[in-house]
Amino acid sequence: MTSVCGECGGTVAPDGHCWDCGAAQPGFRSHVEITADTGAAGISDRGSRRAINADAMVLTRADRWTIGVVCDGVSMSPRAERAAKVAADVGARWLTKSLLAGGLPETALDDAAVRAAHAVAALNGSEDAAPACTYVAGIAGPQGVWSSWIGDSRAYWLPDEGPGMALTEDDTGEHEALAAWLGADAEEPAPHVRSYRPSVPGRLLLCTDGLWRYLPGAEALRSALPHRRRRASDRGDGLIEDARALVDFALDAGGHDNVTALLIPVGM
């Protein structure tokens, strides 16, 4: 079925813009839910104040590895939602290829982030029209969890028992201004990579600032999860209800920005 542009009646392209007038379509990716057979799940919502959802996420698997990528389009850049979608797709695709080929998680994450950055830079229409986004990726497997990031999208470790923690540190400067991002107007990408070996089961959370600005720490995030306290290692329906609880919290708190939460279960 062909989508019709709300502005001119033209045809909507796969990136959510009209082929004819170029207008972004408000309903494009307004609410997205994804799940995997590993129990991992993610939800992305455009929020209450944004016309377009400029967040993007991918969830996939490579043998024993579960892979997640979350990107947040920089709101001041043109076609930010396109930048986020391209970065998430390229990053996840390269991670899958590298891990299936036997690559080390650290190397795969580093290379995937750089390739995602170059793909976003290639979207540049001119010096004054450079789409941009932030980037965070995570992988979970038998040996632990790994995360990689550029910008202020975050990864958290949320264990079933004991204290959680942030696995990323924001690339921000004075007044929390973004200091690193993916795009043609950014510096050469320098992704950060961090590994962690959990001692208990739990969840690896990847999220955008539309969530963590309302729940800025690991304990705040975990407190927003359903009171039934189902363990992340339980298969059941996976973590979709946990992701929904986090996103709903941000929406109920105001939903000023796009909000995305992707959860990967980590068992022993």
Protein backbone atom coordinates (compact mmCIF):
# COMPACT_ATOMS: atom_id res chain seq x y z
CA MET A 1 0.00 0.00 0.00
CA THR A 2 1.37 3.42 -0.99
CA SER A 3 1.41 6.20 1.64
CA VAL A 4 0.15 9.63 0.60
CA CYS A 5 1.90 12.84 1.66
CA GLY A 6 -0.15 14.94 4.05
CA GLU A 7 1.24 18.16 2.57
CA CYS A 8 0.94 17.78 -1.21
CA GLY A 9 -0.71 14.41 -1.83
CA GLY A 10 2.46 12.94 -3.32
CA THR A 11 4.03 9.57 -2.63
CA VAL A 12 5.91 8.94 0.64
CA ALA A 13 9.37 7.42 0.31
CA PRO A 14 10.73 4.65 2.60
CA ASP A 15 12.54 7.24 4.74
CA GLY A 16 9.25 8.94 5.65
CA HIS A 17 9.63 11.97 3.35
CA CYS A 18 7.55 12.85 0.31
CA TRP A 19 9.18 12.07 -3.04
CA ASP A 20 7.60 15.22 -4.52
CA CYS A 21 7.80 18.02 -1.93
CA GLY A 22 10.24 16.49 0.56
CA ALA A 23 7.99 17.05 3.58
CA ALA A 24 8.52 14.77 6.58
CA GLN A 25 5.44 12.73 7.48
CA PRO A 26 4.33 13.08 11.14
CA GLY A 27 3.16 9.48 11.44
CA PHE A 28 6.39 7.89 10.19
CA ARG A 29 7.84 5.56 12.88
CA SER A 30 5.67 7.37 15.45
CA HIS A 31 5.60 4.22 17.61
CA VAL A 32 7.72 1.14 16.93
CA GLU A 33 8.01 -2.11 18.91
CA ILE A 34 10.51 -4.87 18.15
CA THR A 35 11.26 -8.24 19.78
CA ALA A 36 13.74 -11.08 19.30
CA ASP A 37 13.60 -14.79 20.08
CA THR A 38 16.26 -14.24 22.75
CA GLY A 39 13.71 -12.28 24.82
CA ALA A 40 15.18 -8.90 23.90
CA ALA A 41 12.76 -6.10 23.08
CA GLY A 42 12.68 -2.43 22.22
CA ILE A 43 10.16 0.39 21.94
CA SER A 44 10.59 3.78 20.28
CA ASP A 45 7.99 6.56 20.48
CA ARG A 46 7.98 10.08 19.02
CA GLY A 47 6.78 11.53 22.33
CA SER A 48 4.20 14.22 23.01
CA ARG A 49 5.96 17.29 21.61
CA ARG A 50 7.75 16.10 18.45
CA ALA A 51 6.16 15.79 15.02
CA ILE A 52 8.74 13.24 13.87
CA ASN A 53 10.42 10.32 15.63
CA ALA A 54 14.10 10.89 14.90
CA ASP A 55 15.17 7.92 17.05
CA ALA A 56 15.99 4.58 15.42
CA MET A 57 16.78 1.13 16.77
CA VAL A 58 17.78 -2.30 15.48
CA LEU A 59 17.71 -5.62 17.31
CA THR A 60 19.29 -8.72 15.80
CA ARG A 61 21.32 -11.84 16.56
CA ALA A 62 24.62 -13.37 15.46
CA ASP A 63 24.96 -16.94 16.71
CA ARG A 64 25.36 -16.65 20.51
CA TRP A 65 25.40 -12.84 20.44
CA THR A 66 22.37 -10.57 20.80
CA ILE A 67 22.98 -7.19 19.16
CA GLY A 68 21.23 -3.88 19.71
CA VAL A 69 21.84 -0.43 18.23
CA VAL A 70 20.02 2.79 19.19
CA CYS A 71 20.53 6.17 17.51
CA ASP A 72 19.09 9.62 18.18
CA GLY A 73 18.86 12.16 15.35
CA VAL A 74 20.32 15.57 16.30
CA SER A 75 17.27 17.84 16.28
CA MET A 76 19.03 20.88 14.81
CA SER A 77 20.22 18.94 11.75
CA PRO A 78 18.17 18.29 8.59
CA ARG A 79 16.68 14.82 8.10
CA ALA A 80 17.92 13.74 11.50
CA GLU A 81 15.61 10.74 11.41
CA ARG A 82 17.31 9.54 8.22
CA ALA A 83 20.74 9.82 9.86
CA ALA A 84 19.58 7.77 12.85
CA LYS A 85 18.02 5.05 10.70
CA VAL A 86 21.09 4.72 8.46
CA ALA A 87 23.47 4.64 11.43
CA ALA A 88 21.44 1.98 13.27
CA ASP A 89 21.11 -0.21 10.18
CA VAL A 90 24.77 0.02 9.16
CA GLY A 91 26.06 -0.47 12.70
CA ALA A 92 23.91 -3.56 13.32
CA ARG A 93 24.74 -5.05 9.94
CA TRP A 94 28.49 -4.66 10.44
CA LEU A 95 28.34 -6.04 14.00
CA THR A 96 26.51 -9.13 12.78
CA LYS A 97 29.00 -9.68 9.96
CA SER A 98 32.04 -9.21 12.22
CA LEU A 99 30.84 -11.45 15.04
CA LEU A 100 29.79 -14.24 12.69
CA ALA A 101 33.27 -14.06 11.17
CA GLY A 102 34.80 -14.63 14.60
CA GLY A 103 35.81 -11.05 15.32
CA LEU A 104 36.44 -9.82 18.86
CA PRO A 105 33.52 -7.86 20.33
CA GLU A 106 35.70 -4.81 21.01
CA THR A 107 36.99 -4.71 17.44
CA ALA A 108 33.55 -5.33 15.96
CA LEU A 109 32.00 -2.52 17.99
CA ASP A 110 34.74 -0.06 17.11
CA ASP A 111 34.60 -0.83 13.40
CA ALA A 112 30.79 -0.79 13.31
CA ALA A 113 30.62 2.68 14.86
CA VAL A 114 33.15 4.07 12.40
CA ARG A 115 31.29 2.57 9.43
CA ALA A 116 28.00 3.95 10.73
CA ALA A 117 29.60 7.39 11.06
CA HIS A 118 30.91 7.28 7.49
CA ALA A 119 27.48 6.20 6.22
CA VAL A 120 25.82 9.17 7.91
CA ALA A 121 28.50 11.53 6.58
CA ALA A 122 27.69 10.29 3.07
CA LEU A 123 24.14 11.66 3.45
CA ASN A 124 25.50 15.19 3.41
CA GLY A 125 23.75 17.36 0.83
CA SER A 126 25.92 20.43 1.33
CA GLU A 127 28.08 22.08 3.97
CA ASP A 128 24.94 23.58 5.49
CA ALA A 129 22.81 20.44 5.26
CA ALA A 130 24.54 17.66 7.18
CA PRO A 131 22.23 15.07 8.83
CA ALA A 132 23.55 14.00 12.23
CA CYS A 133 22.80 11.59 15.07
CA THR A 134 24.21 10.03 18.23
CA TYR A 135 24.96 6.31 18.49
CA VAL A 136 25.07 3.54 21.08
CA ALA A 137 25.45 -0.18 20.44
CA GLY A 138 25.48 -3.15 22.75
CA ILE A 139 26.12 -6.85 22.45
CA ALA A 140 25.49 -9.59 24.99
CA GLY A 141 26.87 -13.11 24.94
CA PRO A 142 28.20 -15.91 27.15
CA GLN A 143 31.33 -13.94 28.08
CA GLY A 144 29.57 -10.74 29.14
CA VAL A 145 28.29 -7.48 27.68
CA TRP A 146 29.97 -4.81 25.57
CA SER A 147 28.88 -1.30 24.64
CA SER A 148 30.10 1.34 22.20
CA TRP A 149 28.96 4.93 21.85
CA ILE A 150 29.41 8.34 20.24
CA GLY A 151 27.38 11.19 21.73
CA ASP A 152 24.88 11.06 24.60
CA SER A 153 22.78 7.99 23.91
CA ARG A 154 23.47 5.62 26.80
CA ALA A 155 23.91 2.00 27.88
CA TYR A 156 23.10 0.75 31.39
CA TRP A 157 23.55 -2.51 33.24
CA LEU A 158 20.39 -3.30 35.25
CA PRO A 159 20.93 -6.52 37.25
CA ASP A 160 18.20 -8.65 38.79
CA GLU A 161 19.96 -8.21 42.14
CA GLY A 162 22.45 -5.64 43.38
CA PRO A 163 23.29 -2.13 42.14
CA GLY A 164 23.14 -1.21 38.47
CA MET A 165 25.44 1.16 36.65
CA ALA A 166 25.95 3.26 33.54
CA LEU A 167 28.19 1.65 30.92
CA THR A 168 28.70 4.86 28.93
CA GLU A 169 29.85 8.42 29.56
CA ASP A 170 28.25 11.24 27.59
CA ASP A 171 30.27 13.08 24.96
CA THR A 172 29.22 16.52 26.19
CA GLY A 173 30.95 19.78 26.99
CA GLU A 174 29.97 23.02 28.70
CA HIS A 175 26.24 23.34 29.50
CA GLU A 176 25.81 19.69 28.42
CA ALA A 177 26.32 20.67 24.78
CA LEU A 178 26.90 17.67 22.52
CA ALA A 179 30.63 17.30 21.81
CA ALA A 180 30.61 14.28 19.49
CA TRP A 181 28.14 12.93 16.96
CA LEU A 182 27.90 11.15 13.60
CA GLY A 183 27.68 13.37 10.53
CA ALA A 184 29.63 15.16 7.80
CA ASP A 185 30.15 18.15 10.10
CA ALA A 186 31.60 15.99 12.90
CA GLU A 187 35.23 15.19 13.61
CA GLU A 188 36.67 11.81 12.62
CA PRO A 189 34.70 9.26 14.66
CA ALA A 190 36.38 8.09 17.87
CA PRO A 191 33.98 5.59 19.47
CA HIS A 192 34.35 4.52 23.08
CA VAL A 193 34.10 0.81 23.92
CA ARG A 194 33.49 -0.74 27.33
CA SER A 195 33.13 -4.35 28.44
CA TYR A 196 31.59 -5.79 31.59
CA ARG A 197 31.30 -9.33 32.95
CA PRO A 198 28.14 -9.58 35.10
CA SER A 199 28.07 -11.83 38.15
CA VAL A 200 24.25 -12.07 38.17
CA PRO A 201 21.54 -12.09 35.49
CA GLY A 202 20.05 -8.81 34.36
CA ARG A 203 19.31 -6.49 31.47
CA LEU A 204 21.47 -4.46 29.13
CA LEU A 205 19.57 -1.23 28.39
CA LEU A 206 20.27 1.02 25.40
CA CYS A 207 18.36 4.30 25.38
CA THR A 208 18.17 7.87 24.11
CA ASP A 209 18.06 11.05 26.17
CA GLY A 210 14.28 11.13 25.82
CA LEU A 211 14.32 8.41 28.50
CA TRP A 212 17.36 9.09 30.66
CA ARG A 213 16.55 12.77 31.21
CA TYR A 214 13.51 11.58 33.17
CA LEU A 215 15.29 8.58 34.73
CA PRO A 216 18.95 9.68 34.88
CA GLY A 217 20.46 6.79 36.83
CA ALA A 218 20.47 3.00 36.91
CA GLU A 219 18.44 2.79 40.12
CA ALA A 220 15.85 5.26 38.84
CA LEU A 221 15.51 3.22 35.66
CA ARG A 222 15.15 -0.03 37.56
CA SER A 223 12.57 1.49 39.90
CA ALA A 224 10.37 2.25 36.89
CA LEU A 225 10.22 -1.42 35.86
CA PRO A 226 7.05 -3.41 36.65
CA HIS A 227 6.59 -4.23 40.34
CA ARG A 228 6.19 -7.91 39.58
CA ARG A 229 10.01 -7.95 39.35
CA ARG A 230 10.16 -10.66 36.71
CA ARG A 231 13.76 -11.62 36.22
CA ALA A 232 15.44 -10.67 32.97
CA SER A 233 16.63 -14.25 32.52
CA ASP A 234 13.04 -15.55 32.41
CA ARG A 235 12.03 -16.24 28.82
CA GLY A 236 8.23 -15.81 28.87
CA ASP A 237 7.16 -12.88 26.73
CA GLY A 238 10.61 -11.34 26.93
CA LEU A 239 11.27 -7.79 28.02
CA ILE A 240 8.63 -5.95 26.00
CA GLU A 241 6.62 -5.07 29.12
CA ASP A 242 9.74 -3.68 30.78
CA ALA A 243 10.52 -1.57 27.71
CA ARG A 244 6.92 -0.37 27.63
CA ALA A 245 7.05 0.61 31.31
CA LEU A 246 10.18 2.73 30.74
CA VAL A 247 8.77 4.47 27.67
CA ASP A 248 5.42 5.06 29.36
CA PHE A 249 7.18 6.65 32.33
CA ALA A 250 8.88 9.18 30.03
CA LEU A 251 5.62 9.91 28.19
CA ASP A 252 3.70 10.37 31.44
CA ALA A 253 6.43 12.70 32.71
CA GLY A 254 5.96 14.99 29.72
CA GLY A 255 7.41 13.20 26.71
CA HIS A 256 9.21 16.34 25.52
CA ASP A 257 11.50 14.35 23.22
CA ASN A 258 11.51 11.12 21.23
CA VAL A 259 12.05 8.21 23.61
CA THR A 260 13.62 4.81 22.93
CA ALA A 261 14.38 1.91 25.26
CA LEU A 262 15.91 -1.35 24.07
CA LEU A 263 16.51 -4.18 26.55
CA ILE A 264 18.63 -7.31 26.10
CA PRO A 265 18.40 -10.10 28.70
CA VAL A 266 21.68 -11.41 30.09
CA GLY A 267 21.56 -14.79 31.88
CA MET A 268 24.18 -16.89 33.65
